PDB file of N, CA and C in Angstrom:
ATOM      1  N   MET A   1       0.776  -1.196  -0.114  1.00  0.00           N
ATOM      2  CA  MET A   1       0.020  -0.050  -0.034  1.00  0.00           C
ATOM      3  C   MET A   1       0.907   1.224  -0.090  1.00  0.00           C
ATOM      4  N   PRO A   2       0.310   2.196  -0.472  1.00  0.00           N
ATOM      5  CA  PRO A   2       1.079   3.662  -0.421  1.00  0.00           C
ATOM      6  C   PRO A   2       1.393   4.013   1.050  1.00  0.00           C
ATOM      7  N   TYR A   3       2.580   4.530   1.064  1.00  0.00           N
ATOM      8  CA  TYR A   3       3.054   4.909   2.486  1.00  0.00           C
ATOM      9  C   TYR A   3       2.301   6.139   3.008  1.00  0.00           C
ATOM     10  N   PHE A   4       1.835   7.143   2.035  1.00  0.00           N
ATOM     11  CA  PHE A   4       1.172   8.221   2.582  1.00  0.00           C
ATOM     12  C   PHE A   4      -0.055   8.374   1.680  1.00  0.00           C
ATOM     13  N   PRO A   5      -1.136   7.410   1.788  1.00  0.00           N
ATOM     14  CA  PRO A   5      -2.306   7.384   0.886  1.00  0.00           C
ATOM     15  C   PRO A   5      -3.004   8.640   0.925  1.00  0.00           C
ATOM     16  N   LEU A   6      -3.424   9.307  -0.127  1.00  0.00           N
ATOM     17  CA  LEU A   6      -4.223  10.558   0.013  1.00  0.00           C
ATOM     18  C   LEU A   6      -3.413  11.789   0.522  1.00  0.00           C
ATOM     19  N   GLY A   7      -2.071  11.575   0.582  1.00  0.00           N
ATOM     20  CA  GLY A   7      -1.094  12.635   1.020  1.00  0.00           C
ATOM     21  C   GLY A   7      -0.892  12.671   2.489  1.00  0.00           C
ATOM     22  N   GLY A   8      -1.728  11.721   3.304  1.00  0.00           N
ATOM     23  CA  GLY A   8      -1.486  11.486   4.786  1.00  0.00           C
ATOM     24  C   GLY A   8      -1.073  12.499   5.626  1.00  0.00           C
ATOM     25  N   PHE A   9      -0.099  13.270   5.424  1.00  0.00           N
ATOM     26  CA  PHE A   9       0.454  14.077   6.448  1.00  0.00           C
ATOM     27  C   PHE A   9       1.016  15.476   5.788  1.00  0.00           C
ATOM     28  N   SER A  10       0.930  16.538   6.532  1.00  0.00           N
ATOM     29  CA  SER A  10       1.310  17.783   6.115  1.00  0.00           C
ATOM     30  C   SER A  10       2.710  17.873   5.867  1.00  0.00           C
ATOM     31  N   PRO A  11       3.298  18.342   4.903  1.00  0.00           N
ATOM     32  CA  PRO A  11       2.556  19.503   3.960  1.00  0.00           C
ATOM     33  C   PRO A  11       1.810  18.938   2.688  1.00  0.00           C
ATOM     34  N   LEU A  12       2.045  17.636   2.686  1.00  0.00           N
ATOM     35  CA  LEU A  12       1.582  16.903   1.579  1.00  0.00           C
ATOM     36  C   LEU A  12      -0.101  16.684   1.594  1.00  0.00           C
ATOM     37  N   GLN A  13      -0.541  16.850   2.731  1.00  0.00           N
ATOM     38  CA  GLN A  13      -1.922  16.738   3.032  1.00  0.00           C
ATOM     39  C   GLN A  13      -2.902  17.596   2.121  1.00  0.00           C
ATOM     40  N   SER A  14      -3.846  16.847   1.719  1.00  0.00           N
ATOM     41  CA  SER A  14      -4.714  17.610   1.012  1.00  0.00           C
ATOM     42  C   SER A  14      -5.864  18.331   1.775  1.00  0.00           C
ATOM     43  N   ALA A  15      -6.409  19.440   1.270  1.00  0.00           N
ATOM     44  CA  ALA A  15      -7.327  20.276   2.102  1.00  0.00           C
ATOM     45  C   ALA A  15      -8.798  19.380   1.941  1.00  0.00           C
ATOM     46  N   THR A  16      -8.887  18.528   0.843  1.00  0.00           N
ATOM     47  CA  THR A  16     -10.253  17.586   0.803  1.00  0.00           C
ATOM     48  C   THR A  16     -10.023  16.700   1.799  1.00  0.00           C
ATOM     49  N   LEU A  17      -8.795  16.115   2.216  1.00  0.00           N
ATOM     50  CA  LEU A  17      -8.679  14.985   3.028  1.00  0.00           C
ATOM     51  C   LEU A  17      -8.882  15.448   4.575  1.00  0.00           C
ATOM     52  N   SER A  18      -8.489  16.798   4.851  1.00  0.00           N
ATOM     53  CA  SER A  18      -8.605  17.369   6.179  1.00  0.00           C
ATOM     54  C   SER A  18     -10.220  17.753   6.293  1.00  0.00           C
ATOM     55  N   GLU A  19     -10.750  18.224   5.199  1.00  0.00           N
ATOM     56  CA  GLU A  19     -12.423  18.498   5.463  1.00  0.00           C
ATOM     57  C   GLU A  19     -13.072  17.351   5.597  1.00  0.00           C
ATOM     58  N   VAL A  20     -12.816  16.272   4.870  1.00  0.00           N
ATOM     59  CA  VAL A  20     -13.401  15.025   5.123  1.00  0.00           C
ATOM     60  C   VAL A  20     -13.049  14.495   6.625  1.00  0.00           C
ATOM     61  N   ALA A  21     -12.021  14.479   6.883  1.00  0.00           N
ATOM     62  CA  ALA A  21     -11.636  14.087   8.246  1.00  0.00           C
ATOM     63  C   ALA A  21     -12.597  14.785   9.218  1.00  0.00           C
ATOM     64  N   THR A  22     -12.649  16.076   9.158  1.00  0.00           N
ATOM     65  CA  THR A  22     -13.156  16.861  10.219  1.00  0.00           C
ATOM     66  C   THR A  22     -14.894  16.541  10.221  1.00  0.00           C
ATOM     67  N   GLU A  23     -15.454  16.154   8.998  1.00  0.00           N
ATOM     68  CA  GLU A  23     -16.634  15.964   8.854  1.00  0.00           C
ATOM     69  C   GLU A  23     -17.018  14.432   9.325  1.00  0.00           C
ATOM     70  N   LEU A  24     -16.131  13.601   9.415  1.00  0.00           N
ATOM     71  CA  LEU A  24     -16.171  12.235  10.124  1.00  0.00           C
ATOM     72  C   LEU A  24     -15.773  12.192  11.490  1.00  0.00           C
ATOM     73  N   GLU A  25     -15.237  13.282  11.954  1.00  0.00           N
ATOM     74  CA  GLU A  25     -14.732  13.225  13.473  1.00  0.00           C
ATOM     75  C   GLU A  25     -13.535  12.329  13.444  1.00  0.00           C
ATOM     76  N   ALA A  26     -12.562  12.303  12.605  1.00  0.00           N
ATOM     77  CA  ALA A  26     -11.599  11.434  12.564  1.00  0.00           C
ATOM     78  C   ALA A  26     -10.492  12.097  12.127  1.00  0.00           C
ATOM     79  N   THR A  27      -9.184  11.469  12.342  1.00  0.00           N
ATOM     80  CA  THR A  27      -7.705  12.191  11.749  1.00  0.00           C
ATOM     81  C   THR A  27      -7.691  11.884  10.386  1.00  0.00           C
ATOM     82  N   PRO A  28      -6.942  12.693   9.726  1.00  0.00           N
ATOM     83  CA  PRO A  28      -6.655  12.496   8.243  1.00  0.00           C
ATOM     84  C   PRO A  28      -6.144  11.074   7.921  1.00  0.00           C
ATOM     85  N   LEU A  29      -5.225  10.613   8.763  1.00  0.00           N
ATOM     86  CA  LEU A  29      -4.713   9.326   8.610  1.00  0.00           C
ATOM     87  C   LEU A  29      -5.684   8.180   8.882  1.00  0.00           C
ATOM     88  N   GLN A  30      -6.596   8.402   9.788  1.00  0.00           N
ATOM     89  CA  GLN A  30      -7.571   7.203   9.828  1.00  0.00           C
ATOM     90  C   GLN A  30      -8.345   7.402   8.529  1.00  0.00           C
ATOM     91  N   VAL A  31      -8.808   8.533   8.060  1.00  0.00           N
ATOM     92  CA  VAL A  31      -9.705   8.625   6.916  1.00  0.00           C
ATOM     93  C   VAL A  31      -8.887   8.054   5.611  1.00  0.00           C
ATOM     94  N   ALA A  32      -7.468   8.238   5.583  1.00  0.00           N
ATOM     95  CA  ALA A  32      -6.795   7.710   4.401  1.00  0.00           C
ATOM     96  C   ALA A  32      -6.761   6.149   4.621  1.00  0.00           C
ATOM     97  N   LEU A  33      -6.562   5.562   5.675  1.00  0.00           N
ATOM     98  CA  LEU A  33      -6.547   4.219   6.003  1.00  0.00           C
ATOM     99  C   LEU A  33      -7.840   3.470   5.597  1.00  0.00           C
ATOM    100  N   ALA A  34      -8.893   4.194   6.261  1.00  0.00           N
ATOM    101  CA  ALA A  34     -10.305   3.692   5.887  1.00  0.00           C
ATOM    102  C   ALA A  34     -10.583   3.687   4.566  1.00  0.00           C
ATOM    103  N   TRP A  35     -10.166   4.875   3.732  1.00  0.00           N
ATOM    104  CA  TRP A  35     -10.456   4.859   2.387  1.00  0.00           C
ATOM    105  C   TRP A  35      -9.798   3.693   1.556  1.00  0.00           C
ATOM    106  N   LEU A  36      -8.631   3.318   1.930  1.00  0.00           N
ATOM    107  CA  LEU A  36      -7.906   2.244   1.281  1.00  0.00           C
ATOM    108  C   LEU A  36      -8.704   0.738   1.605  1.00  0.00           C
ATOM    109  N   LEU A  37      -9.077   0.763   2.954  1.00  0.00           N
ATOM    110  CA  LEU A  37      -9.848  -0.479   3.241  1.00  0.00           C
ATOM    111  C   LEU A  37     -11.179  -0.485   2.511  1.00  0.00           C
ATOM    112  N   GLN A  38     -11.884   0.630   2.149  1.00  0.00           N
ATOM    113  CA  GLN A  38     -13.088   0.444   1.548  1.00  0.00           C
ATOM    114  C   GLN A  38     -12.954   0.190   0.079  1.00  0.00           C
ATOM    115  N   ARG A  39     -11.774   0.352  -0.609  1.00  0.00           N
ATOM    116  CA  ARG A  39     -11.658   0.364  -2.001  1.00  0.00           C
ATOM    117  C   ARG A  39     -11.871  -0.995  -2.447  1.00  0.00           C
ATOM    118  N   ALA A  40     -11.440  -2.214  -1.759  1.00  0.00           N
ATOM    119  CA  ALA A  40     -11.455  -3.623  -2.053  1.00  0.00           C
ATOM    120  C   ALA A  40     -11.406  -4.504  -0.864  1.00  0.00           C
ATOM    121  N   PRO A  41     -11.859  -5.691  -1.156  1.00  0.00           N
ATOM    122  CA  PRO A  41     -11.917  -6.636   0.135  1.00  0.00           C
ATOM    123  C   PRO A  41     -10.730  -7.261   0.272  1.00  0.00           C
ATOM    124  N   ASN A  42      -9.864  -7.197  -0.749  1.00  0.00           N
ATOM    125  CA  ASN A  42      -8.521  -7.874  -0.828  1.00  0.00           C
ATOM    126  C   ASN A  42      -7.286  -7.089  -0.265  1.00  0.00           C
ATOM    127  N   ILE A  43      -7.718  -5.822   0.428  1.00  0.00           N
ATOM    128  CA  ILE A  43      -6.584  -5.109   0.626  1.00  0.00           C
ATOM    129  C   ILE A  43      -6.313  -5.294   1.878  1.00  0.00           C
ATOM    130  N   LEU A  44      -4.987  -5.360   2.407  1.00  0.00           N
ATOM    131  CA  LEU A  44      -4.450  -5.645   3.516  1.00  0.00           C
ATOM    132  C   LEU A  44      -3.268  -4.362   3.900  1.00  0.00           C
ATOM    133  N   LEU A  45      -3.731  -3.744   5.028  1.00  0.00           N
ATOM    134  CA  LEU A  45      -2.925  -2.662   5.420  1.00  0.00           C
ATOM    135  C   LEU A  45      -1.872  -3.038   6.436  1.00  0.00           C
ATOM    136  N   ILE A  46      -0.696  -2.393   6.488  1.00  0.00           N
ATOM    137  CA  ILE A  46       0.211  -2.832   7.549  1.00  0.00           C
ATOM    138  C   ILE A  46       0.823  -1.386   7.582  1.00  0.00           C
ATOM    139  N   PRO A  47       0.178  -0.518   8.411  1.00  0.00           N
ATOM    140  CA  PRO A  47       0.587   0.737   8.798  1.00  0.00           C
ATOM    141  C   PRO A  47       1.590   0.582   9.978  1.00  0.00           C
ATOM    142  N   GLY A  48       2.782   1.323   9.845  1.00  0.00           N
ATOM    143  CA  GLY A  48       3.942   1.316  10.656  1.00  0.00           C
ATOM    144  C   GLY A  48       3.382   2.158  12.022  1.00  0.00           C
ATOM    145  N   THR A  49       3.865   1.933  13.136  1.00  0.00           N
ATOM    146  CA  THR A  49       3.791   2.855  14.230  1.00  0.00           C
ATOM    147  C   THR A  49       4.729   2.666  15.325  1.00  0.00           C
ATOM    148  N   SER A  50       4.920   3.603  16.145  1.00  0.00           N
ATOM    149  CA  SER A  50       6.033   3.500  17.137  1.00  0.00           C
ATOM    150  C   SER A  50       5.643   3.676  18.565  1.00  0.00           C
ATOM    151  N   SER A  51       4.153   3.865  18.489  1.00  0.00           N
ATOM    152  CA  SER A  51       3.604   3.898  20.068  1.00  0.00           C
ATOM    153  C   SER A  51       2.132   3.213  20.004  1.00  0.00           C
ATOM    154  N   VAL A  52       1.952   2.763  21.333  1.00  0.00           N
ATOM    155  CA  VAL A  52       0.556   2.107  21.551  1.00  0.00           C
ATOM    156  C   VAL A  52      -0.721   3.147  21.010  1.00  0.00           C
ATOM    157  N   ALA A  53      -0.549   4.418  21.418  1.00  0.00           N
ATOM    158  CA  ALA A  53      -1.493   5.419  21.097  1.00  0.00           C
ATOM    159  C   ALA A  53      -1.739   5.547  19.315  1.00  0.00           C
ATOM    160  N   HIS A  54      -0.669   5.418  18.807  1.00  0.00           N
ATOM    161  CA  HIS A  54      -0.666   5.595  17.261  1.00  0.00           C
ATOM    162  C   HIS A  54      -1.333   4.313  16.730  1.00  0.00           C
ATOM    163  N   LEU A  55      -0.950   3.084  17.403  1.00  0.00           N
ATOM    164  CA  LEU A  55      -1.692   1.986  17.084  1.00  0.00           C
ATOM    165  C   LEU A  55      -3.140   1.895  17.179  1.00  0.00           C
ATOM    166  N   ARG A  56      -3.532   2.489  18.240  1.00  0.00           N
ATOM    167  CA  ARG A  56      -4.974   2.690  18.620  1.00  0.00           C
ATOM    168  C   ARG A  56      -5.633   3.451  17.627  1.00  0.00           C
ATOM    169  N   ASP A  57      -5.045   4.564  17.403  1.00  0.00           N
ATOM    170  CA  ASP A  57      -5.623   5.513  16.257  1.00  0.00           C
ATOM    171  C   ASP A  57      -5.702   4.693  14.795  1.00  0.00           C
ATOM    172  N   ASN A  58      -4.612   3.941  14.510  1.00  0.00           N
ATOM    173  CA  ASN A  58      -4.713   3.221  13.363  1.00  0.00           C
ATOM    174  C   ASN A  58      -5.994   2.137  13.355  1.00  0.00           C
ATOM    175  N   LEU A  59      -6.173   1.503  14.440  1.00  0.00           N
ATOM    176  CA  LEU A  59      -7.069   0.436  14.530  1.00  0.00           C
ATOM    177  C   LEU A  59      -8.484   1.158  14.433  1.00  0.00           C
ATOM    178  N   LYS A  60      -8.891   2.312  14.768  1.00  0.00           N
ATOM    179  CA  LYS A  60     -10.116   2.902  14.656  1.00  0.00           C
ATOM    180  C   LYS A  60     -10.447   3.092  13.161  1.00  0.00           C
ATOM    181  N   ALA A  61      -9.644   3.103  12.204  1.00  0.00           N
ATOM    182  CA  ALA A  61      -9.788   3.269  10.773  1.00  0.00           C
ATOM    183  C   ALA A  61     -10.493   2.176  10.364  1.00  0.00           C
ATOM    184  N   ALA A  62     -10.294   0.835  11.024  1.00  0.00           N
ATOM    185  CA  ALA A  62     -11.114  -0.320  10.473  1.00  0.00           C
ATOM    186  C   ALA A  62     -12.679  -0.129  10.770  1.00  0.00           C
ATOM    187  N   SER A  63     -13.078   0.433  11.482  1.00  0.00           N
ATOM    188  CA  SER A  63     -14.428   0.706  11.666  1.00  0.00           C
ATOM    189  C   SER A  63     -14.893   1.998  11.257  1.00  0.00           C
ATOM    190  N   LEU A  64     -14.165   2.802  10.655  1.00  0.00           N
ATOM    191  CA  LEU A  64     -14.690   4.004  10.066  1.00  0.00           C
ATOM    192  C   LEU A  64     -15.378   3.877   8.718  1.00  0.00           C
ATOM    193  N   ARG A  65     -16.423   4.141   8.458  1.00  0.00           N
ATOM    194  CA  ARG A  65     -17.386   4.023   7.178  1.00  0.00           C
ATOM    195  C   ARG A  65     -17.337   5.414   6.525  1.00  0.00           C
ATOM    196  N   ILE A  66     -16.999   5.589   5.367  1.00  0.00           N
ATOM    197  CA  ILE A  66     -16.952   6.665   4.601  1.00  0.00           C
ATOM    198  C   ILE A  66     -17.950   6.719   3.577  1.00  0.00           C
ATOM    199  N   PRO A  67     -19.069   7.557   3.711  1.00  0.00           N
ATOM    200  CA  PRO A  67     -20.155   7.632   2.700  1.00  0.00           C
ATOM    201  C   PRO A  67     -19.727   7.868   1.489  1.00  0.00           C
ATOM    202  N   PRO A  68     -20.603   7.560   0.462  1.00  0.00           N
ATOM    203  CA  PRO A  68     -19.942   7.485  -1.149  1.00  0.00           C
ATOM    204  C   PRO A  68     -19.732   8.883  -1.560  1.00  0.00           C
ATOM    205  N   GLU A  69     -20.325   9.814  -1.138  1.00  0.00           N
ATOM    206  CA  GLU A  69     -20.218  11.130  -1.659  1.00  0.00           C
ATOM    207  C   GLU A  69     -18.614  11.617  -1.175  1.00  0.00           C
ATOM    208  N   GLN A  70     -18.214  11.251   0.018  1.00  0.00           N
ATOM    209  CA  GLN A  70     -16.923  11.593   0.594  1.00  0.00           C
ATOM    210  C   GLN A  70     -16.016  10.790  -0.106  1.00  0.00           C
ATOM    211  N   VAL A  71     -16.403   9.498  -0.359  1.00  0.00           N
ATOM    212  CA  VAL A  71     -15.381   8.580  -1.156  1.00  0.00           C
ATOM    213  C   VAL A  71     -14.980   9.245  -2.472  1.00  0.00           C
ATOM    214  N   ALA A  72     -16.074   9.656  -3.016  1.00  0.00           N
ATOM    215  CA  ALA A  72     -15.794  10.449  -4.503  1.00  0.00           C
ATOM    216  C   ALA A  72     -14.959  11.576  -4.420  1.00  0.00           C
ATOM    217  N   ARG A  73     -15.146  12.234  -3.267  1.00  0.00           N
ATOM    218  CA  ARG A  73     -14.487  13.597  -2.937  1.00  0.00           C
ATOM    219  C   ARG A  73     -12.849  13.152  -2.925  1.00  0.00           C
ATOM    220  N   LEU A  74     -12.626  12.139  -2.175  1.00  0.00           N
ATOM    221  CA  LEU A  74     -11.398  11.702  -1.924  1.00  0.00           C
ATOM    222  C   LEU A  74     -10.660  11.102  -2.977  1.00  0.00           C
ATOM    223  N   GLY A  75     -11.512  10.442  -3.814  1.00  0.00           N
ATOM    224  CA  GLY A  75     -11.002   9.911  -5.081  1.00  0.00           C
ATOM    225  C   GLY A  75     -10.649  10.793  -6.307  1.00  0.00           C
ATOM    226  N   ALA A  76     -11.080  12.186  -6.067  1.00  0.00           N
ATOM    227  CA  ALA A  76     -10.428  13.184  -6.982  1.00  0.00           C
ATOM    228  C   ALA A  76      -9.315  13.692  -6.458  1.00  0.00           C
ATOM    229  N   ILE A  77      -8.850  13.514  -5.449  1.00  0.00           N
ATOM    230  CA  ILE A  77      -7.541  13.833  -4.912  1.00  0.00           C
ATOM    231  C   ILE A  77      -6.421  13.369  -5.923  1.00  0.00           C
ATOM    232  N   GLY A  78      -5.498  14.155  -6.454  1.00  0.00           N
ATOM    233  CA  GLY A  78      -4.346  13.904  -7.143  1.00  0.00           C
ATOM    234  C   GLY A  78      -4.717  13.669  -8.661  1.00  0.00           C
ATOM    235  N   SER A  79      -6.152  13.713  -9.000  1.00  0.00           N
ATOM    236  CA  SER A  79      -6.626  13.604 -10.339  1.00  0.00           C
ATOM    237  C   SER A  79      -6.507  14.916 -11.082  1.00  0.00           C
ATOM    238  N   GLY A  80      -6.276  16.257 -10.428  1.00  0.00           N
ATOM    239  CA  GLY A  80      -6.548  17.260 -10.964  1.00  0.00           C
ATOM    240  C   GLY A  80      -7.743  17.980 -10.642  1.00  0.00           C
ATOM    241  N   LYS A  81      -8.855  17.050 -10.497  1.00  0.00           N
ATOM    242  CA  LYS A  81     -10.228  17.533 -10.180  1.00  0.00           C
ATOM    243  C   LYS A  81     -10.355  18.311  -9.006  1.00  0.00           C
ATOM    244  N   GLU A  82      -9.586  17.952  -7.922  1.00  0.00           N
ATOM    245  CA  GLU A  82      -9.732  18.483  -6.576  1.00  0.00           C
ATOM    246  C   GLU A  82      -9.112  20.005  -6.761  1.00  0.00           C
ATOM    247  N   ALA A  83      -8.052  20.345  -7.422  1.00  0.00           N
ATOM    248  CA  ALA A  83      -7.420  21.595  -7.649  1.00  0.00           C
ATOM    249  C   ALA A  83      -8.493  22.495  -8.512  1.00  0.00           C
ATOM    250  N   GLN A  84      -9.183  21.926  -9.610  1.00  0.00           N
ATOM    251  CA  GLN A  84     -10.063  22.524 -10.232  1.00  0.00           C
ATOM    252  C   GLN A  84     -11.239  22.963  -9.470  1.00  0.00           C
ATOM    253  N   ASP A  85     -11.707  22.133  -8.536  1.00  0.00           N
ATOM    254  CA  ASP A  85     -12.868  22.427  -7.566  1.00  0.00           C
ATOM    255  C   ASP A  85     -12.661  23.448  -6.610  1.00  0.00           C
ATOM    256  N   SER A  86     -11.369  23.454  -6.088  1.00  0.00           N
ATOM    257  CA  SER A  86     -11.107  24.569  -5.066  1.00  0.00           C
ATOM    258  C   SER A  86     -10.832  25.953  -5.694  1.00  0.00           C
ATOM    259  N   ALA A  87     -10.659  25.788  -7.028  1.00  0.00           N
ATOM    260  CA  ALA A  87     -10.564  27.179  -7.787  1.00  0.00           C
ATOM    261  C   ALA A  87     -11.877  27.830  -8.191  1.00  0.00           C
ATOM    262  N   LEU A  88     -12.919  27.086  -7.993  1.00  0.00           N
ATOM    263  CA  LEU A  88     -14.166  27.614  -8.357  1.00  0.00           C
ATOM    264  C   LEU A  88     -14.448  28.504  -7.130  1.00  0.00           C
ATOM    265  N   PRO A  89     -15.386  29.614  -7.464  1.00  0.00           N
ATOM    266  CA  PRO A  89     -15.864  30.718  -6.510  1.00  0.00           C
ATOM    267  C   PRO A  89     -17.200  29.789  -5.797  1.00  0.00           C
ATOM    268  N   PRO A  90     -17.157  30.179  -4.528  1.00  0.00           N
ATOM    269  CA  PRO A  90     -18.476  29.665  -3.877  1.00  0.00           C
ATOM    270  C   PRO A  90     -19.718  29.596  -4.583  1.00  0.00           C
ATOM    271  N   ASN A  91     -20.385  28.483  -4.512  1.00  0.00           N
ATOM    272  CA  ASN A  91     -21.754  28.390  -5.405  1.00  0.00           C
ATOM    273  C   ASN A  91     -21.385  28.275  -6.724  1.00  0.00           C
ATOM    274  N   GLY A  92     -20.144  27.920  -7.113  1.00  0.00           N
ATOM    275  CA  GLY A  92     -19.748  27.851  -8.529  1.00  0.00           C
ATOM    276  C   GLY A  92     -19.596  26.671  -9.108  1.00  0.00           C
TER     277      GLY A  92
END
């Protein structure tokens, strides 16, 4: 699996990833891991960690369900569509 799915950490982190994480009351990394888990049933994640607290945060991603509209927003990251959408004026 990609080490930083969806940009994972600042400064690489996407504004969309941060917004979705806030909406889901989760961390960006939890959302990124959950997004990968929801992509296919045969995905096995092995996220690295150096602390028990980080391990607990990673495990929360397994129970996080991302609604389809947010999955679509996350899927646009890196496609150029996210940058185009953020350039639009509000209500645009």
